[in-house]
C-alpha cells in the first residue's frame, strides 16, 4: 500500500529550488519549495512516505551521452536532457546521495519525467504560464479523482513539476501507469487520463 506519496522536482544544486508535493491517500495535502539536502531529508523523515517519485536521472549511461531508456523516450518524441551534461551530472550525484538515505529508511523511489508525464496524460506540451499551470492541474486532479487540501492558485514551475511527479507516483500506486524500461534504467509515466480506473 502506498498511503503517503511525495513528488520531488529535484534541482542539481542546493542553492536552487526543489519543488515538493505530498499526496496522502487520494488527496494533495501540500506542495512548496525546499532547497538543501538537509531540508529534504528532514521533510521526508517527518512525512515518512511509502513512495517518492523523483524528477532526476538515477544513473549515468554506460557509454555515450544517453541511457538506453532516454533513447527510447526520444524515439517517441520526448526530450530528456543527457545525464552527462555538467549540470545533469551534479543532479545524478545529488539524487544518489538522497537515494542512499531513502533506501536506508526502506522508502521506495521511482524515476519520473514530468515533461513527458504531461504528454502521456493527454496534453501537447508543458504549460507556459501560471494560468495554464492552474488549468492543467485542476483538470488533471478532477479527472483522475484526486482532492486537494491546498488551493491550486499561483503555482510556480517547480511546484507544478513536483505535483506532476506526485501524480505520477499516485498513478504508479493505483496501477494507472506505464514504464519505459531499458537495461540501464526505468522511467515511470501515468497513462492517459481517459483510461484511468479509480
C-alpha atoms as a PDB file:
ATOM      1  CA  UNK A   1       0.000   0.000   0.000  1.00  0.00           C
ATOM      2  CA  UNK A   2       1.182   3.484  -0.869  1.00  0.00           C
ATOM      3  CA  UNK A   3      -0.699   5.752   1.519  1.00  0.00           C
ATOM      4  CA  UNK A   4       1.805   8.619   1.523  1.00  0.00           C
ATOM      5  CA  UNK A   5       3.468   9.702  -1.725  1.00  0.00           C
ATOM      6  CA  UNK A   6       5.924  12.541  -2.257  1.00  0.00           C
ATOM      7  CA  UNK A   7       6.776  14.069  -5.616  1.00  0.00           C
ATOM      8  CA  UNK A   8      10.180  15.754  -5.780  1.00  0.00           C
ATOM      9  CA  UNK A   9      11.316  18.011  -8.622  1.00  0.00           C
ATOM     10  CA  UNK A  10      14.958  17.892  -7.638  1.00  0.00           C
ATOM     11  CA  UNK A  11      17.423  20.640  -8.578  1.00  0.00           C
ATOM     12  CA  UNK A  12      21.087  19.858  -9.201  1.00  0.00           C
ATOM     13  CA  UNK A  13      22.217  22.463  -6.664  1.00  0.00           C
ATOM     14  CA  UNK A  14      21.162  23.029  -3.064  1.00  0.00           C
ATOM     15  CA  UNK A  15      21.074  26.747  -3.881  1.00  0.00           C
ATOM     16  CA  UNK A  16      18.231  26.255  -6.370  1.00  0.00           C
ATOM     17  CA  UNK A  17      14.571  25.488  -5.715  1.00  0.00           C
ATOM     18  CA  UNK A  18      13.410  21.877  -5.495  1.00  0.00           C
ATOM     19  CA  UNK A  19       9.652  21.533  -5.659  1.00  0.00           C
ATOM     20  CA  UNK A  20       7.792  19.049  -3.474  1.00  0.00           C
ATOM     21  CA  UNK A  21       4.249  17.727  -3.328  1.00  0.00           C
ATOM     22  CA  UNK A  22       2.678  15.470  -0.699  1.00  0.00           C
ATOM     23  CA  UNK A  23      -0.247  13.182  -1.530  1.00  0.00           C
ATOM     24  CA  UNK A  24      -1.902  11.185   1.237  1.00  0.00           C
ATOM     25  CA  UNK A  25      -4.430   8.547   0.208  1.00  0.00           C
ATOM     26  CA  UNK A  26      -6.261  10.375  -2.632  1.00  0.00           C
ATOM     27  CA  UNK A  27      -5.656  13.968  -1.525  1.00  0.00           C
ATOM     28  CA  UNK A  28      -2.975  16.545  -2.291  1.00  0.00           C
ATOM     29  CA  UNK A  29      -2.054  17.705   1.196  1.00  0.00           C
ATOM     30  CA  UNK A  30       0.685  20.226   0.484  1.00  0.00           C
ATOM     31  CA  UNK A  31       3.192  21.488  -2.068  1.00  0.00           C
ATOM     32  CA  UNK A  32       6.006  24.013  -1.997  1.00  0.00           C
ATOM     33  CA  UNK A  33       9.747  24.578  -2.252  1.00  0.00           C
ATOM     34  CA  UNK A  34      12.763  23.096  -0.475  1.00  0.00           C
ATOM     35  CA  UNK A  35      16.443  23.876  -1.010  1.00  0.00           C
ATOM     36  CA  UNK A  36      19.081  21.893   0.863  1.00  0.00           C
ATOM     37  CA  UNK A  37      19.579  18.155   1.256  1.00  0.00           C
ATOM     38  CA  UNK A  38      19.087  18.682   4.993  1.00  0.00           C
ATOM     39  CA  UNK A  39      15.665  20.274   4.368  1.00  0.00           C
ATOM     40  CA  UNK A  40      14.646  17.458   2.020  1.00  0.00           C
ATOM     41  CA  UNK A  41      15.813  14.718   4.386  1.00  0.00           C
ATOM     42  CA  UNK A  42      14.072  16.398   7.332  1.00  0.00           C
ATOM     43  CA  UNK A  43      10.831  16.724   5.333  1.00  0.00           C
ATOM     44  CA  UNK A  44      10.995  13.086   4.222  1.00  0.00           C
ATOM     45  CA  UNK A  45      11.683  11.973   7.787  1.00  0.00           C
ATOM     46  CA  UNK A  46       8.729  13.965   9.096  1.00  0.00           C
ATOM     47  CA  UNK A  47       6.240  12.733   6.462  1.00  0.00           C
ATOM     48  CA  UNK A  48       7.549   9.144   6.294  1.00  0.00           C
ATOM     49  CA  UNK A  49       6.323   8.421   2.750  1.00  0.00           C
ATOM     50  CA  UNK A  50       5.841   4.977   1.266  1.00  0.00           C
ATOM     51  CA  UNK A  51       6.917   6.191  -2.177  1.00  0.00           C
ATOM     52  CA  UNK A  52       8.962   9.089  -3.589  1.00  0.00           C
ATOM     53  CA  UNK A  53       8.649   9.991  -7.292  1.00  0.00           C
ATOM     54  CA  UNK A  54      11.724  11.988  -8.314  1.00  0.00           C
ATOM     55  CA  UNK A  55      12.378  14.043 -11.423  1.00  0.00           C
ATOM     56  CA  UNK A  56      16.071  13.237 -11.842  1.00  0.00           C
ATOM     57  CA  UNK A  57      18.053  10.576 -13.726  1.00  0.00           C
ATOM     58  CA  UNK A  58      19.119   7.940 -11.223  1.00  0.00           C
ATOM     59  CA  UNK A  59      22.307   6.991 -13.097  1.00  0.00           C
ATOM     60  CA  UNK A  60      24.705   7.880 -15.890  1.00  0.00           C
ATOM     61  CA  UNK A  61      24.844   5.978 -19.205  1.00  0.00           C
ATOM     62  CA  UNK A  62      27.368   3.182 -19.554  1.00  0.00           C
ATOM     63  CA  UNK A  63      28.570   4.827 -22.757  1.00  0.00           C
ATOM     64  CA  UNK A  64      27.667   7.872 -24.825  1.00  0.00           C
ATOM     65  CA  UNK A  65      25.506  10.728 -23.578  1.00  0.00           C
ATOM     66  CA  UNK A  66      22.149   8.954 -23.131  1.00  0.00           C
ATOM     67  CA  UNK A  67      20.985   5.880 -21.248  1.00  0.00           C
ATOM     68  CA  UNK A  68      19.003   3.315 -23.241  1.00  0.00           C
ATOM     69  CA  UNK A  69      15.703   4.402 -21.627  1.00  0.00           C
ATOM     70  CA  UNK A  70      16.497   8.024 -22.607  1.00  0.00           C
ATOM     71  CA  UNK A  71      16.915   6.900 -26.224  1.00  0.00           C
ATOM     72  CA  UNK A  72      13.579   5.060 -26.028  1.00  0.00           C
ATOM     73  CA  UNK A  73      11.941   8.260 -24.754  1.00  0.00           C
ATOM     74  CA  UNK A  74      13.467  10.221 -27.631  1.00  0.00           C
ATOM     75  CA  UNK A  75      12.034   7.690 -30.093  1.00  0.00           C
ATOM     76  CA  UNK A  76       8.505   8.603 -29.005  1.00  0.00           C
ATOM     77  CA  UNK A  77       9.100  12.340 -29.174  1.00  0.00           C
ATOM     78  CA  UNK A  78      10.176  13.151 -25.614  1.00  0.00           C
ATOM     79  CA  UNK A  79      13.242  15.250 -24.950  1.00  0.00           C
ATOM     80  CA  UNK A  80      15.191  14.210 -21.858  1.00  0.00           C
ATOM     81  CA  UNK A  81      18.450  16.044 -21.202  1.00  0.00           C
ATOM     82  CA  UNK A  82      21.595  13.916 -21.489  1.00  0.00           C
ATOM     83  CA  UNK A  83      22.649  12.882 -17.970  1.00  0.00           C
ATOM     84  CA  UNK A  84      26.269  13.561 -18.935  1.00  0.00           C
ATOM     85  CA  UNK A  85      25.749  17.355 -19.168  1.00  0.00           C
ATOM     86  CA  UNK A  86      27.663  19.094 -16.383  1.00  0.00           C
ATOM     87  CA  UNK A  87      24.543  20.325 -14.576  1.00  0.00           C
ATOM     88  CA  UNK A  88      22.846  16.955 -15.003  1.00  0.00           C
ATOM     89  CA  UNK A  89      25.886  15.127 -13.614  1.00  0.00           C
ATOM     90  CA  UNK A  90      25.515  17.192 -10.441  1.00  0.00           C
ATOM     91  CA  UNK A  91      21.841  16.186 -10.342  1.00  0.00           C
ATOM     92  CA  UNK A  92      22.702  12.482 -10.713  1.00  0.00           C
ATOM     93  CA  UNK A  93      25.237  12.797  -7.886  1.00  0.00           C
ATOM     94  CA  UNK A  94      22.739  14.591  -5.675  1.00  0.00           C
ATOM     95  CA  UNK A  95      19.874  12.196  -6.256  1.00  0.00           C
ATOM     96  CA  UNK A  96      22.131   9.237  -5.479  1.00  0.00           C
ATOM     97  CA  UNK A  97      23.154  10.783  -2.146  1.00  0.00           C
ATOM     98  CA  UNK A  98      19.472  11.106  -1.304  1.00  0.00           C
ATOM     99  CA  UNK A  99      18.502   7.682  -2.686  1.00  0.00           C
ATOM    100  CA  UNK A 100      21.031   6.042  -0.356  1.00  0.00           C
ATOM    101  CA  UNK A 101      19.293   7.666   2.627  1.00  0.00           C
ATOM    102  CA  UNK A 102      15.802   6.836   1.343  1.00  0.00           C
ATOM    103  CA  UNK A 103      16.756   3.187   0.846  1.00  0.00           C
ATOM    104  CA  UNK A 104      18.177   3.011   4.359  1.00  0.00           C
ATOM    105  CA  UNK A 105      14.715   4.118   5.524  1.00  0.00           C
ATOM    106  CA  UNK A 106      13.085   1.447   3.282  1.00  0.00           C
ATOM    107  CA  UNK A 107      11.343   4.091   1.180  1.00  0.00           C
ATOM    108  CA  UNK A 108      10.702   3.098  -2.421  1.00  0.00           C
ATOM    109  CA  UNK A 109      11.789   5.641  -5.042  1.00  0.00           C
ATOM    110  CA  UNK A 110      10.912   5.801  -8.737  1.00  0.00           C
ATOM    111  CA  UNK A 111      12.371   7.923 -11.512  1.00  0.00           C
ATOM    112  CA  UNK A 112       9.806  10.108 -13.286  1.00  0.00           C
ATOM    113  CA  UNK A 113       9.852  12.780 -16.000  1.00  0.00           C
ATOM    114  CA  UNK A 114       7.092  15.404 -15.649  1.00  0.00           C
ATOM    115  CA  UNK A 115       7.631  16.931 -19.111  1.00  0.00           C
ATOM    116  CA  UNK A 116       6.842  13.503 -20.547  1.00  0.00           C
ATOM    117  CA  UNK A 117       4.118  12.778 -17.996  1.00  0.00           C
ATOM    118  CA  UNK A 118       2.156  15.790 -19.256  1.00  0.00           C
ATOM    119  CA  UNK A 119       2.248  14.338 -22.767  1.00  0.00           C
ATOM    120  CA  UNK A 120       1.121  10.912 -21.549  1.00  0.00           C
ATOM    121  CA  UNK A 121      -1.750  12.486 -19.625  1.00  0.00           C
ATOM    122  CA  UNK A 122      -3.043  13.928 -22.898  1.00  0.00           C
ATOM    123  CA  UNK A 123      -1.584  17.440 -23.173  1.00  0.00           C
ATOM    124  CA  UNK A 124       0.506  18.538 -26.152  1.00  0.00           C
ATOM    125  CA  UNK A 125       3.074  20.500 -24.134  1.00  0.00           C
ATOM    126  CA  UNK A 126       4.023  21.782 -20.701  1.00  0.00           C
ATOM    127  CA  UNK A 127       2.125  24.900 -19.565  1.00  0.00           C
ATOM    128  CA  UNK A 128       3.859  28.224 -20.168  1.00  0.00           C
ATOM    129  CA  UNK A 129       2.033  30.483 -17.708  1.00  0.00           C
ATOM    130  CA  UNK A 130       0.510  30.471 -14.228  1.00  0.00           C
ATOM    131  CA  UNK A 131      -2.942  30.408 -15.813  1.00  0.00           C
ATOM    132  CA  UNK A 132      -2.074  27.335 -17.867  1.00  0.00           C
ATOM    133  CA  UNK A 133      -0.444  25.572 -14.917  1.00  0.00           C
ATOM    134  CA  UNK A 134      -3.577  26.081 -12.816  1.00  0.00           C
ATOM    135  CA  UNK A 135      -5.847  24.986 -15.682  1.00  0.00           C
ATOM    136  CA  UNK A 136      -3.840  21.804 -16.325  1.00  0.00           C
ATOM    137  CA  UNK A 137      -3.699  20.826 -12.658  1.00  0.00           C
ATOM    138  CA  UNK A 138      -7.365  21.465 -11.946  1.00  0.00           C
ATOM    139  CA  UNK A 139      -8.312  19.392 -14.981  1.00  0.00           C
ATOM    140  CA  UNK A 140      -5.988  16.511 -14.080  1.00  0.00           C
ATOM    141  CA  UNK A 141      -6.922  16.457 -10.398  1.00  0.00           C
ATOM    142  CA  UNK A 142     -10.644  16.492 -11.164  1.00  0.00           C
ATOM    143  CA  UNK A 143     -10.425  13.883 -13.915  1.00  0.00           C
ATOM    144  CA  UNK A 144      -8.437  11.276 -12.000  1.00  0.00           C
ATOM    145  CA  UNK A 145     -10.444  11.682  -8.799  1.00  0.00           C
ATOM    146  CA  UNK A 146      -7.918  13.394  -6.545  1.00  0.00           C
ATOM    147  CA  UNK A 147      -8.859  16.000  -3.963  1.00  0.00           C
ATOM    148  CA  UNK A 148      -6.708  18.945  -2.938  1.00  0.00           C
ATOM    149  CA  UNK A 149      -6.487  20.369   0.553  1.00  0.00           C
ATOM    150  CA  UNK A 150      -4.403  23.225  -0.825  1.00  0.00           C
ATOM    151  CA  UNK A 151      -5.996  25.738  -3.162  1.00  0.00           C
ATOM    152  CA  UNK A 152      -4.471  25.388  -6.627  1.00  0.00           C
ATOM    153  CA  UNK A 153      -3.549  29.001  -7.303  1.00  0.00           C
ATOM    154  CA  UNK A 154      -0.273  30.752  -8.154  1.00  0.00           C
ATOM    155  CA  UNK A 155       1.744  27.627  -8.870  1.00  0.00           C
ATOM    156  CA  UNK A 156       5.447  28.132  -9.563  1.00  0.00           C
ATOM    157  CA  UNK A 157       7.066  25.954 -12.285  1.00  0.00           C
ATOM    158  CA  UNK A 158       8.997  23.839  -9.751  1.00  0.00           C
ATOM    159  CA  UNK A 159       5.824  23.285  -7.734  1.00  0.00           C
ATOM    160  CA  UNK A 160       3.911  22.332 -10.877  1.00  0.00           C
ATOM    161  CA  UNK A 161       6.552  19.750 -11.810  1.00  0.00           C
ATOM    162  CA  UNK A 162       6.566  18.391  -8.251  1.00  0.00           C
ATOM    163  CA  UNK A 163       2.780  17.971  -8.324  1.00  0.00           C
ATOM    164  CA  UNK A 164       3.076  16.120 -11.648  1.00  0.00           C
ATOM    165  CA  UNK A 165       5.794  13.946 -10.062  1.00  0.00           C
ATOM    166  CA  UNK A 166       3.453  13.139  -7.169  1.00  0.00           C
ATOM    167  CA  UNK A 167       0.562  12.437  -9.546  1.00  0.00           C
ATOM    168  CA  UNK A 168       2.855  10.061 -11.447  1.00  0.00           C
ATOM    169  CA  UNK A 169       3.614   8.376  -8.129  1.00  0.00           C
ATOM    170  CA  UNK A 170      -0.121   8.155  -7.479  1.00  0.00           C
ATOM    171  CA  UNK A 171      -0.565   6.624 -10.948  1.00  0.00           C
ATOM    172  CA  UNK A 172       2.092   4.058 -10.064  1.00  0.00           C
ATOM    173  CA  UNK A 173       0.408   3.305  -6.741  1.00  0.00           C
ATOM    174  CA  UNK A 174      -3.011   2.834  -8.368  1.00  0.00           C
ATOM    175  CA  UNK A 175      -1.735   0.816 -11.359  1.00  0.00           C
ATOM    176  CA  UNK A 176      -2.508   3.612 -13.824  1.00  0.00           C
ATOM    177  CA  UNK A 177       0.997   3.783 -15.223  1.00  0.00           C
ATOM    178  CA  UNK A 178       3.330   2.578 -17.924  1.00  0.00           C
ATOM    179  CA  UNK A 179       7.092   2.298 -17.788  1.00  0.00           C
ATOM    180  CA  UNK A 180       9.808   2.888 -20.312  1.00  0.00           C
ATOM    181  CA  UNK A 181      12.473   0.352 -19.463  1.00  0.00           C
ATOM    182  CA  UNK A 182      15.904  -0.425 -20.800  1.00  0.00           C
ATOM    183  CA  UNK A 183      18.817  -2.356 -19.370  1.00  0.00           C
ATOM    184  CA  UNK A 184      20.149   0.813 -17.734  1.00  0.00           C
ATOM    185  CA  UNK A 185      17.044   2.449 -16.325  1.00  0.00           C
ATOM    186  CA  UNK A 186      13.274   2.567 -15.878  1.00  0.00           C
ATOM    187  CA  UNK A 187      11.157   5.722 -16.011  1.00  0.00           C
ATOM    188  CA  UNK A 188       7.515   5.728 -14.854  1.00  0.00           C
ATOM    189  CA  UNK A 189       4.717   7.646 -16.604  1.00  0.00           C
ATOM    190  CA  UNK A 190       0.971   7.980 -15.927  1.00  0.00           C
ATOM    191  CA  UNK A 191      -1.401   6.660 -18.560  1.00  0.00           C
ATOM    192  CA  UNK A 192      -3.803   8.976 -20.394  1.00  0.00           C
ATOM    193  CA  UNK A 193      -6.415  10.459 -18.061  1.00  0.00           C
ATOM    194  CA  UNK A 194      -9.328   8.993 -20.025  1.00  0.00           C
ATOM    195  CA  UNK A 195      -8.018   5.473 -19.397  1.00  0.00           C
ATOM    196  CA  UNK A 196      -7.613   5.693 -15.619  1.00  0.00           C
ATOM    197  CA  UNK A 197      -9.530   3.393 -13.374  1.00  0.00           C
ATOM    198  CA  UNK A 198     -10.169   4.537  -9.822  1.00  0.00           C
END
